[in-house]
Amino acid sequence: APPPADNPADEPIDIRPPCTCCGGRMIVIEVFKRWRQPRGPP
């Protein structure tokens, strides 16, 4: 049998590790450029 076709409607796999505190999903809230640090801990 041929391999199952990819479903483009499927969500991409989230490669970010889950939250170490509760196991929840992590999302990006700030991006900082090269040689920069984040503005401060939110």
ModelCIF file with pLDDT and N, C-alpha, C, O atoms, coordinates in Angstrom:
data_MODEL
#
_entry.id   MODEL 
#
_entity.id                         1 
_entity.type                       polymer 
_entity.pdbx_number_of_molecules   1 
#
_entity_poly.entity_id                      1 
_entity_poly.type                           'polypeptide(L)' 
_entity_poly.nstd_linkage                   no 
_entity_poly.nstd_monomer                   no 
_entity_poly.pdbx_seq_one_letter_code       APPPADNPADEPIDIRPPCTCCGGRMIVIEVFKRWRQPRGPP 
_entity_poly.pdbx_seq_one_letter_code_can   APPPADNPADEPIDIRPPCTCCGGRMIVIEVFKRWRQPRGPP 
_entity_poly.pdbx_strand_id                 A 
#
loop_
_entity_poly_seq.entity_id 
_entity_poly_seq.num 
_entity_poly_seq.mon_id 
_entity_poly_seq.hetero 
1 1  ALA n 
1 2  PRO n 
1 3  PRO n 
1 4  PRO n 
1 5  ALA n 
1 6  ASP n 
1 7  ASN n 
1 8  PRO n 
1 9  ALA n 
1 10 ASP n 
1 11 GLU n 
1 12 PRO n 
1 13 ILE n 
1 14 ASP n 
1 15 ILE n 
1 16 ARG n 
1 17 PRO n 
1 18 PRO n 
1 19 CYS n 
1 20 THR n 
1 21 CYS n 
1 22 CYS n 
1 23 GLY n 
1 24 GLY n 
1 25 ARG n 
1 26 MET n 
1 27 ILE n 
1 28 VAL n 
1 29 ILE n 
1 30 GLU n 
1 31 VAL n 
1 32 PHE n 
1 33 LYS n 
1 34 ARG n 
1 35 TRP n 
1 36 ARG n 
1 37 GLN n 
1 38 PRO n 
1 39 ARG n 
1 40 GLY n 
1 41 PRO n 
1 42 PRO n 
#
_struct_asym.id          A 
_struct_asym.entity_id   1 
#
loop_
_ma_qa_metric.id 
_ma_qa_metric.mode 
_ma_qa_metric.name 
_ma_qa_metric.software_group_id 
_ma_qa_metric.type 
1 global pLDDT . pLDDT 
2 local  pLDDT . pLDDT 
#
_ma_qa_metric_global.metric_id      1 
_ma_qa_metric_global.metric_value   68.45 
_ma_qa_metric_global.model_id       1 
_ma_qa_metric_global.ordinal_id     1 
#
loop_
_ma_qa_metric_local.label_asym_id 
_ma_qa_metric_local.label_comp_id 
_ma_qa_metric_local.label_seq_id 
_ma_qa_metric_local.metric_id 
_ma_qa_metric_local.metric_value 
_ma_qa_metric_local.model_id 
_ma_qa_metric_local.ordinal_id 
A ALA 1  2 71.00 1 1  
A PRO 2  2 70.00 1 2  
A PRO 3  2 67.00 1 3  
A PRO 4  2 63.00 1 4  
A ALA 5  2 61.00 1 5  
A ASP 6  2 55.00 1 6  
A ASN 7  2 50.00 1 7  
A PRO 8  2 44.00 1 8  
A ALA 9  2 42.00 1 9  
A ASP 10 2 47.00 1 10 
A GLU 11 2 47.00 1 11 
A PRO 12 2 49.00 1 12 
A ILE 13 2 51.00 1 13 
A ASP 14 2 52.00 1 14 
A ILE 15 2 62.00 1 15 
A ARG 16 2 72.00 1 16 
A PRO 17 2 79.00 1 17 
A PRO 18 2 84.00 1 18 
A CYS 19 2 83.00 1 19 
A THR 20 2 81.00 1 20 
A CYS 21 2 84.00 1 21 
A CYS 22 2 85.00 1 22 
A GLY 23 2 81.00 1 23 
A GLY 24 2 85.00 1 24 
A ARG 25 2 86.00 1 25 
A MET 26 2 85.00 1 26 
A ILE 27 2 85.00 1 27 
A VAL 28 2 86.00 1 28 
A ILE 29 2 81.00 1 29 
A GLU 30 2 83.00 1 30 
A VAL 31 2 84.00 1 31 
A PHE 32 2 77.00 1 32 
A LYS 33 2 79.00 1 33 
A ARG 34 2 77.00 1 34 
A TRP 35 2 65.00 1 35 
A ARG 36 2 67.00 1 36 
A GLN 37 2 64.00 1 37 
A PRO 38 2 64.00 1 38 
A ARG 39 2 62.00 1 39 
A GLY 40 2 57.00 1 40 
A PRO 41 2 55.00 1 41 
A PRO 42 2 53.00 1 42 
#
loop_
_atom_site.group_PDB 
_atom_site.id 
_atom_site.type_symbol 
_atom_site.label_atom_id 
_atom_site.label_alt_id 
_atom_site.label_comp_id 
_atom_site.label_asym_id 
_atom_site.label_entity_id 
_atom_site.label_seq_id 
_atom_site.pdbx_PDB_ins_code 
_atom_site.Cartn_x 
_atom_site.Cartn_y 
_atom_site.Cartn_z 
_atom_site.occupancy 
_atom_site.B_iso_or_equiv 
_atom_site.pdbx_formal_charge 
_atom_site.auth_seq_id 
_atom_site.auth_comp_id 
_atom_site.auth_asym_id 
_atom_site.auth_atom_id 
_atom_site.pdbx_PDB_model_num 
ATOM 1   N N  . ALA A 1 1  ? 0.842  -1.194 0.000  1.00 71.00 ? 1  ALA A N  1 
ATOM 2   C CA . ALA A 1 1  ? 0.000  0.000  0.000  1.00 71.00 ? 1  ALA A CA 1 
ATOM 3   C C  . ALA A 1 1  ? 0.876  1.243  0.000  1.00 71.00 ? 1  ALA A C  1 
ATOM 4   O O  . ALA A 1 1  ? 1.918  1.255  0.655  1.00 71.00 ? 1  ALA A O  1 
ATOM 5   N N  . PRO A 1 2  ? 0.480  2.287  -0.718 1.00 70.00 ? 2  PRO A N  1 
ATOM 6   C CA . PRO A 1 2  ? 1.248  3.535  -0.695 1.00 70.00 ? 2  PRO A CA 1 
ATOM 7   C C  . PRO A 1 2  ? 1.168  4.182  0.681  1.00 70.00 ? 2  PRO A C  1 
ATOM 8   O O  . PRO A 1 2  ? 0.193  3.963  1.400  1.00 70.00 ? 2  PRO A O  1 
ATOM 9   N N  . PRO A 1 3  ? 2.164  4.972  1.067  1.00 67.00 ? 3  PRO A N  1 
ATOM 10  C CA . PRO A 1 3  ? 2.115  5.644  2.364  1.00 67.00 ? 3  PRO A CA 1 
ATOM 11  C C  . PRO A 1 3  ? 0.978  6.640  2.400  1.00 67.00 ? 3  PRO A C  1 
ATOM 12  O O  . PRO A 1 3  ? 0.610  7.176  1.355  1.00 67.00 ? 3  PRO A O  1 
ATOM 13  N N  . PRO A 1 4  ? 0.396  6.913  3.579  1.00 63.00 ? 4  PRO A N  1 
ATOM 14  C CA . PRO A 1 4  ? -0.693 7.880  3.664  1.00 63.00 ? 4  PRO A CA 1 
ATOM 15  C C  . PRO A 1 4  ? -0.243 9.255  3.215  1.00 63.00 ? 4  PRO A C  1 
ATOM 16  O O  . PRO A 1 4  ? 0.853  9.704  3.552  1.00 63.00 ? 4  PRO A O  1 
ATOM 17  N N  . ALA A 1 5  ? -1.096 9.917  2.452  1.00 61.00 ? 5  ALA A N  1 
ATOM 18  C CA . ALA A 1 5  ? -0.762 11.264 1.957  1.00 61.00 ? 5  ALA A CA 1 
ATOM 19  C C  . ALA A 1 5  ? -0.804 12.256 3.098  1.00 61.00 ? 5  ALA A C  1 
ATOM 20  O O  . ALA A 1 5  ? -1.623 12.143 4.010  1.00 61.00 ? 5  ALA A O  1 
ATOM 21  N N  . ASP A 1 6  ? 0.092  13.234 3.036  1.00 55.00 ? 6  ASP A N  1 
ATOM 22  C CA . ASP A 1 6  ? 0.098  14.282 4.059  1.00 55.00 ? 6  ASP A CA 1 
ATOM 23  C C  . ASP A 1 6  ? -1.149 15.123 3.919  1.00 55.00 ? 6  ASP A C  1 
ATOM 24  O O  . ASP A 1 6  ? -1.581 15.428 2.808  1.00 55.00 ? 6  ASP A O  1 
ATOM 25  N N  . ASN A 1 7  ? -1.732 15.500 5.049  1.00 50.00 ? 7  ASN A N  1 
ATOM 26  C CA . ASN A 1 7  ? -2.913 16.359 5.053  1.00 50.00 ? 7  ASN A CA 1 
ATOM 27  C C  . ASN A 1 7  ? -2.480 17.785 5.322  1.00 50.00 ? 7  ASN A C  1 
ATOM 28  O O  . ASN A 1 7  ? -2.105 18.112 6.448  1.00 50.00 ? 7  ASN A O  1 
ATOM 29  N N  . PRO A 1 8  ? -2.522 18.643 4.309  1.00 44.00 ? 8  PRO A N  1 
ATOM 30  C CA . PRO A 1 8  ? -2.039 20.019 4.519  1.00 44.00 ? 8  PRO A CA 1 
ATOM 31  C C  . PRO A 1 8  ? -2.835 20.774 5.553  1.00 44.00 ? 8  PRO A C  1 
ATOM 32  O O  . PRO A 1 8  ? -2.373 21.792 6.069  1.00 44.00 ? 8  PRO A O  1 
ATOM 33  N N  . ALA A 1 9  ? -4.057 20.281 5.874  1.00 42.00 ? 9  ALA A N  1 
ATOM 34  C CA . ALA A 1 9  ? -4.874 20.986 6.859  1.00 42.00 ? 9  ALA A CA 1 
ATOM 35  C C  . ALA A 1 9  ? -4.416 20.711 8.284  1.00 42.00 ? 9  ALA A C  1 
ATOM 36  O O  . ALA A 1 9  ? -4.766 21.442 9.210  1.00 42.00 ? 9  ALA A O  1 
ATOM 37  N N  . ASP A 1 10 ? -3.623 19.644 8.453  1.00 47.00 ? 10 ASP A N  1 
ATOM 38  C CA . ASP A 1 10 ? -3.153 19.317 9.791  1.00 47.00 ? 10 ASP A CA 1 
ATOM 39  C C  . ASP A 1 10 ? -2.253 20.430 10.323 1.00 47.00 ? 10 ASP A C  1 
ATOM 40  O O  . ASP A 1 10 ? -1.513 21.065 9.571  1.00 47.00 ? 10 ASP A O  1 
ATOM 41  N N  . GLU A 1 11 ? -2.331 20.653 11.636 1.00 47.00 ? 11 GLU A N  1 
ATOM 42  C CA . GLU A 1 11 ? -1.467 21.651 12.264 1.00 47.00 ? 11 GLU A CA 1 
ATOM 43  C C  . GLU A 1 11 ? -0.037 21.135 12.281 1.00 47.00 ? 11 GLU A C  1 
ATOM 44  O O  . GLU A 1 11 ? 0.177  19.940 12.482 1.00 47.00 ? 11 GLU A O  1 
ATOM 45  N N  . PRO A 1 12 ? 0.951  22.007 12.075 1.00 49.00 ? 12 PRO A N  1 
ATOM 46  C CA . PRO A 1 12 ? 2.338  21.560 12.169 1.00 49.00 ? 12 PRO A CA 1 
ATOM 47  C C  . PRO A 1 12 ? 2.665  21.126 13.601 1.00 49.00 ? 12 PRO A C  1 
ATOM 48  O O  . PRO A 1 12 ? 2.100  21.629 14.572 1.00 49.00 ? 12 PRO A O  1 
ATOM 49  N N  . ILE A 1 13 ? 3.594  20.177 13.694 1.00 51.00 ? 13 ILE A N  1 
ATOM 50  C CA . ILE A 1 13 ? 3.978  19.669 15.013 1.00 51.00 ? 13 ILE A CA 1 
ATOM 51  C C  . ILE A 1 13 ? 4.694  20.759 15.790 1.00 51.00 ? 13 ILE A C  1 
ATOM 52  O O  . ILE A 1 13 ? 5.601  21.410 15.271 1.00 51.00 ? 13 ILE A O  1 
ATOM 53  N N  . ASP A 1 14 ? 4.282  20.954 17.043 1.00 52.00 ? 14 ASP A N  1 
ATOM 54  C CA . ASP A 1 14 ? 4.919  21.950 17.901 1.00 52.00 ? 14 ASP A CA 1 
ATOM 55  C C  . ASP A 1 14 ? 6.172  21.318 18.502 1.00 52.00 ? 14 ASP A C  1 
ATOM 56  O O  . ASP A 1 14 ? 6.086  20.397 19.314 1.00 52.00 ? 14 ASP A O  1 
ATOM 57  N N  . ILE A 1 15 ? 7.341  21.826 18.094 1.00 62.00 ? 15 ILE A N  1 
ATOM 58  C CA . ILE A 1 15 ? 8.586  21.235 18.558 1.00 62.00 ? 15 ILE A CA 1 
ATOM 59  C C  . ILE A 1 15 ? 9.077  21.860 19.859 1.00 62.00 ? 15 ILE A C  1 
ATOM 60  O O  . ILE A 1 15 ? 10.095 21.430 20.400 1.00 62.00 ? 15 ILE A O  1 
ATOM 61  N N  . ARG A 1 16 ? 8.369  22.872 20.373 1.00 72.00 ? 16 ARG A N  1 
ATOM 62  C CA . ARG A 1 16 ? 8.784  23.481 21.628 1.00 72.00 ? 16 ARG A CA 1 
ATOM 63  C C  . ARG A 1 16 ? 8.468  22.549 22.792 1.00 72.00 ? 16 ARG A C  1 
ATOM 64  O O  . ARG A 1 16 ? 7.367  22.002 22.855 1.00 72.00 ? 16 ARG A O  1 
ATOM 65  N N  . PRO A 1 17 ? 9.400  22.358 23.707 1.00 79.00 ? 17 PRO A N  1 
ATOM 66  C CA . PRO A 1 17 ? 9.113  21.523 24.875 1.00 79.00 ? 17 PRO A CA 1 
ATOM 67  C C  . PRO A 1 17 ? 7.963  22.117 25.674 1.00 79.00 ? 17 PRO A C  1 
ATOM 68  O O  . PRO A 1 17 ? 7.806  23.338 25.707 1.00 79.00 ? 17 PRO A O  1 
ATOM 69  N N  . PRO A 1 18 ? 7.147  21.272 26.326 1.00 84.00 ? 18 PRO A N  1 
ATOM 70  C CA . PRO A 1 18 ? 6.036  21.796 27.117 1.00 84.00 ? 18 PRO A CA 1 
ATOM 71  C C  . PRO A 1 18 ? 6.528  22.535 28.353 1.00 84.00 ? 18 PRO A C  1 
ATOM 72  O O  . PRO A 1 18 ? 7.708  22.482 28.698 1.00 84.00 ? 18 PRO A O  1 
ATOM 73  N N  . CYS A 1 19 ? 5.621  23.209 28.997 1.00 83.00 ? 19 CYS A N  1 
ATOM 74  C CA . CYS A 1 19 ? 5.948  23.960 30.219 1.00 83.00 ? 19 CYS A CA 1 
ATOM 75  C C  . CYS A 1 19 ? 6.479  23.008 31.286 1.00 83.00 ? 19 CYS A C  1 
ATOM 76  O O  . CYS A 1 19 ? 5.885  21.958 31.534 1.00 83.00 ? 19 CYS A O  1 
ATOM 77  N N  . THR A 1 20 ? 7.590  23.369 31.915 1.00 81.00 ? 20 THR A N  1 
ATOM 78  C CA . THR A 1 20 ? 8.170  22.529 32.961 1.00 81.00 ? 20 THR A CA 1 
ATOM 79  C C  . THR A 1 20 ? 7.372  22.606 34.259 1.00 81.00 ? 20 THR A C  1 
ATOM 80  O O  . THR A 1 20 ? 7.534  21.767 35.145 1.00 81.00 ? 20 THR A O  1 
ATOM 81  N N  . CYS A 1 21 ? 6.522  23.602 34.364 1.00 84.00 ? 21 CYS A N  1 
ATOM 82  C CA . CYS A 1 21 ? 5.735  23.776 35.593 1.00 84.00 ? 21 CYS A CA 1 
ATOM 83  C C  . CYS A 1 21 ? 4.445  22.964 35.555 1.00 84.00 ? 21 CYS A C  1 
ATOM 84  O O  . CYS A 1 21 ? 4.137  22.246 36.506 1.00 84.00 ? 21 CYS A O  1 
ATOM 85  N N  . CYS A 1 22 ? 3.681  23.076 34.453 1.00 85.00 ? 22 CYS A N  1 
ATOM 86  C CA . CYS A 1 22 ? 2.376  22.411 34.413 1.00 85.00 ? 22 CYS A CA 1 
ATOM 87  C C  . CYS A 1 22 ? 2.182  21.528 33.184 1.00 85.00 ? 22 CYS A C  1 
ATOM 88  O O  . CYS A 1 22 ? 1.160  20.850 33.072 1.00 85.00 ? 22 CYS A O  1 
ATOM 89  N N  . GLY A 1 23 ? 3.148  21.522 32.255 1.00 81.00 ? 23 GLY A N  1 
ATOM 90  C CA . GLY A 1 23 ? 3.008  20.718 31.050 1.00 81.00 ? 23 GLY A CA 1 
ATOM 91  C C  . GLY A 1 23 ? 2.189  21.377 29.959 1.00 81.00 ? 23 GLY A C  1 
ATOM 92  O O  . GLY A 1 23 ? 1.880  20.741 28.951 1.00 81.00 ? 23 GLY A O  1 
ATOM 93  N N  . GLY A 1 24 ? 1.834  22.627 30.136 1.00 85.00 ? 24 GLY A N  1 
ATOM 94  C CA . GLY A 1 24 ? 1.015  23.334 29.157 1.00 85.00 ? 24 GLY A CA 1 
ATOM 95  C C  . GLY A 1 24 ? 1.791  23.716 27.915 1.00 85.00 ? 24 GLY A C  1 
ATOM 96  O O  . GLY A 1 24 ? 3.003  23.515 27.837 1.00 85.00 ? 24 GLY A O  1 
ATOM 97  N N  . ARG A 1 25 ? 1.070  24.278 26.927 1.00 86.00 ? 25 ARG A N  1 
ATOM 98  C CA . ARG A 1 25 ? 1.687  24.676 25.665 1.00 86.00 ? 25 ARG A CA 1 
ATOM 99  C C  . ARG A 1 25 ? 2.363  26.030 25.800 1.00 86.00 ? 25 ARG A C  1 
ATOM 100 O O  . ARG A 1 25 ? 1.797  26.967 26.362 1.00 86.00 ? 25 ARG A O  1 
ATOM 101 N N  . MET A 1 26 ? 3.588  26.125 25.274 1.00 85.00 ? 26 MET A N  1 
ATOM 102 C CA . MET A 1 26 ? 4.340  27.374 25.320 1.00 85.00 ? 26 MET A CA 1 
ATOM 103 C C  . MET A 1 26 ? 4.137  28.141 24.022 1.00 85.00 ? 26 MET A C  1 
ATOM 104 O O  . MET A 1 26 ? 4.153  27.558 22.938 1.00 85.00 ? 26 MET A O  1 
ATOM 105 N N  . ILE A 1 27 ? 3.946  29.466 24.138 1.00 85.00 ? 27 ILE A N  1 
ATOM 106 C CA . ILE A 1 27 ? 3.828  30.318 22.956 1.00 85.00 ? 27 ILE A CA 1 
ATOM 107 C C  . ILE A 1 27 ? 4.861  31.442 23.043 1.00 85.00 ? 27 ILE A C  1 
ATOM 108 O O  . ILE A 1 27 ? 5.302  31.811 24.131 1.00 85.00 ? 27 ILE A O  1 
ATOM 109 N N  . VAL A 1 28 ? 5.236  31.974 21.891 1.00 86.00 ? 28 VAL A N  1 
ATOM 110 C CA . VAL A 1 28 ? 6.237  33.039 21.832 1.00 86.00 ? 28 VAL A CA 1 
ATOM 111 C C  . VAL A 1 28 ? 5.568  34.381 22.130 1.00 86.00 ? 28 VAL A C  1 
ATOM 112 O O  . VAL A 1 28 ? 4.575  34.742 21.498 1.00 86.00 ? 28 VAL A O  1 
ATOM 113 N N  . ILE A 1 29 ? 6.122  35.116 23.100 1.00 81.00 ? 29 ILE A N  1 
ATOM 114 C CA . ILE A 1 29 ? 5.553  36.420 23.449 1.00 81.00 ? 29 ILE A CA 1 
ATOM 115 C C  . ILE A 1 29 ? 6.500  37.578 23.143 1.00 81.00 ? 29 ILE A C  1 
ATOM 116 O O  . ILE A 1 29 ? 6.090  38.738 23.167 1.00 81.00 ? 29 ILE A O  1 
ATOM 117 N N  . GLU A 1 30 ? 7.766  37.267 22.856 1.00 83.00 ? 30 GLU A N  1 
ATOM 118 C CA . GLU A 1 30 ? 8.719  38.332 22.510 1.00 83.00 ? 30 GLU A CA 1 
ATOM 119 C C  . GLU A 1 30 ? 9.854  37.731 21.693 1.00 83.00 ? 30 GLU A C  1 
ATOM 120 O O  . GLU A 1 30 ? 10.323 36.630 21.983 1.00 83.00 ? 30 GLU A O  1 
ATOM 121 N N  . VAL A 1 31 ? 10.291 38.455 20.679 1.00 84.00 ? 31 VAL A N  1 
ATOM 122 C CA . VAL A 1 31 ? 11.434 38.047 19.869 1.00 84.00 ? 31 VAL A CA 1 
ATOM 123 C C  . VAL A 1 31 ? 12.497 39.128 19.994 1.00 84.00 ? 31 VAL A C  1 
ATOM 124 O O  . VAL A 1 31 ? 12.193 40.315 19.881 1.00 84.00 ? 31 VAL A O  1 
ATOM 125 N N  . PHE A 1 32 ? 13.749 38.721 20.228 1.00 77.00 ? 32 PHE A N  1 
ATOM 126 C CA . PHE A 1 32 ? 14.828 39.709 20.305 1.00 77.00 ? 32 PHE A CA 1 
ATOM 127 C C  . PHE A 1 32 ? 15.933 39.335 19.322 1.00 77.00 ? 32 PHE A C  1 
ATOM 128 O O  . PHE A 1 32 ? 16.180 38.159 19.058 1.00 77.00 ? 32 PHE A O  1 
ATOM 129 N N  . LYS A 1 33 ? 16.595 40.370 18.782 1.00 79.00 ? 33 LYS A N  1 
ATOM 130 C CA . LYS A 1 33 ? 17.538 40.197 17.689 1.00 79.00 ? 33 LYS A CA 1 
ATOM 131 C C  . LYS A 1 33 ? 18.908 39.761 18.192 1.00 79.00 ? 33 LYS A C  1 
ATOM 132 O O  . LYS A 1 33 ? 19.157 39.666 19.394 1.00 79.00 ? 33 LYS A O  1 
ATOM 133 N N  . ARG A 1 34 ? 19.790 39.500 17.224 1.00 77.00 ? 34 ARG A N  1 
ATOM 134 C CA . ARG A 1 34 ? 21.162 39.085 17.539 1.00 77.00 ? 34 ARG A CA 1 
ATOM 135 C C  . ARG A 1 34 ? 21.846 40.120 18.421 1.00 77.00 ? 34 ARG A C  1 
ATOM 136 O O  . ARG A 1 34 ? 21.656 41.326 18.264 1.00 77.00 ? 34 ARG A O  1 
ATOM 137 N N  . TRP A 1 35 ? 22.640 39.616 19.344 1.00 65.00 ? 35 TRP A N  1 
ATOM 138 C CA . TRP A 1 35 ? 23.402 40.434 20.284 1.00 65.00 ? 35 TRP A CA 1 
ATOM 139 C C  . TRP A 1 35 ? 22.512 41.202 21.257 1.00 65.00 ? 35 TRP A C  1 
ATOM 140 O O  . TRP A 1 35 ? 22.997 42.084 21.965 1.00 65.00 ? 35 TRP A O  1 
ATOM 141 N N  . ARG A 1 36 ? 21.224 40.884 21.304 1.00 67.00 ? 36 ARG A N  1 
ATOM 142 C CA . ARG A 1 36 ? 20.302 41.567 22.217 1.00 67.00 ? 36 ARG A CA 1 
ATOM 143 C C  . ARG A 1 36 ? 19.826 40.597 23.290 1.00 67.00 ? 36 ARG A C  1 
ATOM 144 O O  . ARG A 1 36 ? 19.885 39.380 23.116 1.00 67.00 ? 36 ARG A O  1 
ATOM 145 N N  . GLN A 1 37 ? 19.362 41.144 24.384 1.00 64.00 ? 37 GLN A N  1 
ATOM 146 C CA . GLN A 1 37 ? 18.714 40.369 25.428 1.00 64.00 ? 37 GLN A CA 1 
ATOM 147 C C  . GLN A 1 37 ? 17.249 40.767 25.478 1.00 64.00 ? 37 GLN A C  1 
ATOM 148 O O  . GLN A 1 37 ? 16.906 41.855 25.013 1.00 64.00 ? 37 GLN A O  1 
ATOM 149 N N  . PRO A 1 38 ? 16.369 39.932 26.022 1.00 64.00 ? 38 PRO A N  1 
ATOM 150 C CA . PRO A 1 38 ? 14.969 40.356 26.182 1.00 64.00 ? 38 PRO A CA 1 
ATOM 151 C C  . PRO A 1 38 ? 14.895 41.580 27.083 1.00 64.00 ? 38 PRO A C  1 
ATOM 152 O O  . PRO A 1 38 ? 15.773 41.817 27.913 1.00 64.00 ? 38 PRO A O  1 
ATOM 153 N N  . ARG A 1 39 ? 13.833 42.348 26.904 1.00 62.00 ? 39 ARG A N  1 
ATOM 154 C CA . ARG A 1 39 ? 13.715 43.607 27.652 1.00 62.00 ? 39 ARG A CA 1 
ATOM 155 C C  . ARG A 1 39 ? 13.723 43.377 29.167 1.00 62.00 ? 39 ARG A C  1 
ATOM 156 O O  . ARG A 1 39 ? 14.176 44.236 29.924 1.00 62.00 ? 39 ARG A O  1 
ATOM 157 N N  . GLY A 1 40 ? 13.233 42.247 29.596 1.00 57.00 ? 40 GLY A N  1 
ATOM 158 C CA . GLY A 1 40 ? 13.191 41.948 31.026 1.00 57.00 ? 40 GLY A CA 1 
ATOM 159 C C  . GLY A 1 40 ? 12.185 40.858 31.283 1.00 57.00 ? 40 GLY A C  1 
ATOM 160 O O  . GLY A 1 40 ? 11.304 40.632 30.453 1.00 57.00 ? 40 GLY A O  1 
ATOM 161 N N  . PRO A 1 41 ? 12.283 40.179 32.396 1.00 55.00 ? 41 PRO A N  1 
ATOM 162 C CA . PRO A 1 41 ? 11.333 39.101 32.688 1.00 55.00 ? 41 PRO A CA 1 
ATOM 163 C C  . PRO A 1 41 ? 9.923  39.642 32.833 1.00 55.00 ? 41 PRO A C  1 
ATOM 164 O O  . PRO A 1 41 ? 9.682  40.514 33.668 1.00 55.00 ? 41 PRO A O  1 
ATOM 165 N N  . PRO A 1 42 ? 8.978  39.137 32.030 1.00 53.00 ? 42 PRO A N  1 
ATOM 166 C CA . PRO A 1 42 ? 7.601  39.626 32.160 1.00 53.00 ? 42 PRO A CA 1 
ATOM 167 C C  . PRO A 1 42 ? 6.981  39.154 33.461 1.00 53.00 ? 42 PRO A C  1 
ATOM 168 O O  . PRO A 1 42 ? 5.825  39.469 33.744 1.00 53.00 ? 42 PRO A O  1 
#
